[in-house]
Amino acid sequence: VLFRGEDRKPLAICQVDVEPTPHVVDQTFRFYQPELTFLKKAIRLPAAWDDTA
């Protein structure tokens, strides 16, 4: 982001470098099910971390 004054000279420059990171997986779910059958399970996951508090 570049902010310029009335004389078109730069007042401030803000450069942001974003590095994506993978999701943290801290639990593994294993289901043992016979072949050619449907797996019917519901997994409740905790709410995502909220930084508005």
N, C-alpha and C. Protein backbone atom coordinates (compact mmCIF):
# COMPACT_ATOMS: atom_id res chain seq x y z
N VAL A 1 0.86 -1.17 0.00
CA VAL A 1 0.00 0.00 0.00
C VAL A 1 0.90 1.22 0.00
N LEU A 2 0.58 2.16 -0.84
CA LEU A 2 1.39 3.37 -0.97
C LEU A 2 0.49 4.59 -0.79
N PHE A 3 0.86 5.44 0.15
CA PHE A 3 0.11 6.68 0.38
C PHE A 3 0.94 7.83 -0.15
N ARG A 4 0.29 8.70 -0.94
CA ARG A 4 0.99 9.85 -1.53
C ARG A 4 0.36 11.14 -1.04
N GLY A 5 1.18 12.16 -0.95
CA GLY A 5 0.70 13.48 -0.56
C GLY A 5 0.15 14.23 -1.76
N GLU A 6 -0.25 15.47 -1.54
CA GLU A 6 -0.81 16.28 -2.62
C GLU A 6 0.20 16.52 -3.74
N ASP A 7 1.48 16.52 -3.38
CA ASP A 7 2.52 16.72 -4.40
C ASP A 7 2.95 15.40 -5.05
N ARG A 8 2.18 14.32 -4.80
CA ARG A 8 2.40 12.99 -5.37
C ARG A 8 3.66 12.30 -4.85
N LYS A 9 4.28 12.86 -3.80
CA LYS A 9 5.44 12.20 -3.20
C LYS A 9 4.95 11.18 -2.18
N PRO A 10 5.65 10.05 -2.05
CA PRO A 10 5.21 9.02 -1.10
C PRO A 10 5.28 9.52 0.34
N LEU A 11 4.20 9.29 1.09
CA LEU A 11 4.16 9.62 2.51
C LEU A 11 4.46 8.38 3.35
N ALA A 12 3.90 7.26 2.95
CA ALA A 12 4.10 6.01 3.69
C ALA A 12 3.95 4.83 2.74
N ILE A 13 4.74 3.82 3.00
CA ILE A 13 4.66 2.58 2.22
C ILE A 13 4.54 1.43 3.22
N CYS A 14 3.56 0.58 2.99
CA CYS A 14 3.35 -0.58 3.85
C CYS A 14 3.43 -1.83 2.98
N GLN A 15 4.40 -2.68 3.26
CA GLN A 15 4.55 -3.93 2.52
C GLN A 15 4.28 -5.08 3.47
N VAL A 16 3.41 -5.99 3.06
CA VAL A 16 3.04 -7.14 3.89
C VAL A 16 3.39 -8.41 3.14
N ASP A 17 4.13 -9.29 3.79
CA ASP A 17 4.45 -10.60 3.23
C ASP A 17 3.59 -11.63 3.97
N VAL A 18 2.81 -12.39 3.21
CA VAL A 18 1.92 -13.40 3.79
C VAL A 18 2.48 -14.78 3.48
N GLU A 19 2.64 -15.59 4.51
CA GLU A 19 3.11 -16.95 4.34
C GLU A 19 2.01 -17.90 4.81
N PRO A 20 1.33 -18.57 3.89
CA PRO A 20 0.28 -19.50 4.30
C PRO A 20 0.87 -20.67 5.08
N THR A 21 0.15 -21.11 6.09
CA THR A 21 0.58 -22.25 6.89
C THR A 21 -0.52 -23.31 6.86
N PRO A 22 -0.15 -24.57 6.93
CA PRO A 22 -1.17 -25.63 6.92
C PRO A 22 -1.95 -25.66 8.23
N HIS A 23 -3.13 -26.25 8.19
CA HIS A 23 -3.93 -26.40 9.39
C HIS A 23 -3.24 -27.37 10.35
N VAL A 24 -3.41 -27.13 11.63
CA VAL A 24 -2.83 -28.00 12.64
C VAL A 24 -3.77 -29.18 12.88
N VAL A 25 -3.23 -30.37 12.74
CA VAL A 25 -4.01 -31.58 13.01
C VAL A 25 -3.42 -32.22 14.25
N ASP A 26 -4.21 -32.25 15.32
CA ASP A 26 -3.69 -32.80 16.58
C ASP A 26 -4.46 -34.03 17.04
N GLN A 27 -5.29 -34.58 16.17
CA GLN A 27 -6.06 -35.76 16.54
C GLN A 27 -6.33 -36.59 15.29
N THR A 28 -6.29 -37.90 15.45
CA THR A 28 -6.55 -38.80 14.34
C THR A 28 -7.79 -39.63 14.65
N PHE A 29 -8.67 -39.76 13.69
CA PHE A 29 -9.86 -40.58 13.83
C PHE A 29 -9.67 -41.83 12.98
N ARG A 30 -9.87 -43.00 13.58
CA ARG A 30 -9.75 -44.25 12.83
C ARG A 30 -11.08 -44.99 12.91
N PHE A 31 -11.57 -45.38 11.76
CA PHE A 31 -12.82 -46.13 11.70
C PHE A 31 -12.55 -47.43 10.96
N TYR A 32 -12.98 -48.51 11.56
CA TYR A 32 -12.82 -49.82 10.94
C TYR A 32 -14.18 -50.25 10.41
N GLN A 33 -14.27 -50.42 9.12
CA GLN A 33 -15.55 -50.69 8.46
C GLN A 33 -15.30 -51.74 7.38
N PRO A 34 -16.20 -52.71 7.25
CA PRO A 34 -16.03 -53.71 6.18
C PRO A 34 -16.09 -53.05 4.80
N GLU A 35 -15.48 -53.70 3.84
CA GLU A 35 -15.50 -53.19 2.47
C GLU A 35 -16.92 -53.15 1.92
N LEU A 36 -17.13 -52.23 1.00
CA LEU A 36 -18.40 -52.08 0.28
C LEU A 36 -19.58 -51.79 1.20
N THR A 37 -19.33 -51.14 2.33
CA THR A 37 -20.41 -50.72 3.23
C THR A 37 -20.30 -49.22 3.43
N PHE A 38 -21.40 -48.60 3.81
CA PHE A 38 -21.41 -47.16 4.04
C PHE A 38 -21.03 -46.87 5.48
N LEU A 39 -20.23 -45.87 5.67
CA LEU A 39 -19.84 -45.43 7.01
C LEU A 39 -20.73 -44.26 7.40
N LYS A 40 -21.47 -44.43 8.48
CA LYS A 40 -22.36 -43.37 8.95
C LYS A 40 -21.92 -42.96 10.35
N LYS A 41 -21.15 -41.90 10.42
CA LYS A 41 -20.66 -41.38 11.70
C LYS A 41 -20.76 -39.87 11.68
N ALA A 42 -20.98 -39.30 12.83
CA ALA A 42 -20.98 -37.84 12.98
C ALA A 42 -19.85 -37.48 13.93
N ILE A 43 -19.02 -36.55 13.51
CA ILE A 43 -17.90 -36.10 14.34
C ILE A 43 -18.12 -34.64 14.66
N ARG A 44 -18.20 -34.32 15.93
CA ARG A 44 -18.36 -32.92 16.34
C ARG A 44 -16.97 -32.34 16.60
N LEU A 45 -16.67 -31.28 15.89
CA LEU A 45 -15.39 -30.61 16.05
C LEU A 45 -15.57 -29.35 16.88
N PRO A 46 -14.58 -29.00 17.69
CA PRO A 46 -14.71 -27.77 18.49
C PRO A 46 -14.73 -26.55 17.58
N ALA A 47 -15.32 -25.49 18.08
CA ALA A 47 -15.39 -24.24 17.32
C ALA A 47 -13.99 -23.71 17.07
N ALA A 48 -13.84 -22.99 15.98
CA ALA A 48 -12.55 -22.37 15.68
C ALA A 48 -12.23 -21.31 16.72
N TRP A 49 -10.95 -21.05 16.90
CA TRP A 49 -10.51 -20.06 17.87
C TRP A 49 -11.03 -18.69 17.48
N ASP A 50 -11.59 -17.96 18.43
CA ASP A 50 -12.19 -16.65 18.16
C ASP A 50 -11.34 -15.57 18.79
N ASP A 51 -10.81 -14.66 17.99
CA ASP A 51 -9.95 -13.59 18.52
C ASP A 51 -10.72 -12.30 18.79
N THR A 52 -12.05 -12.33 18.72
CA THR A 52 -12.83 -11.12 18.96
C THR A 52 -13.08 -10.89 20.44
N ALA A 53 -12.79 -11.87 21.28
CA ALA A 53 -13.05 -11.74 22.73
C ALA A 53 -11.99 -10.89 23.40
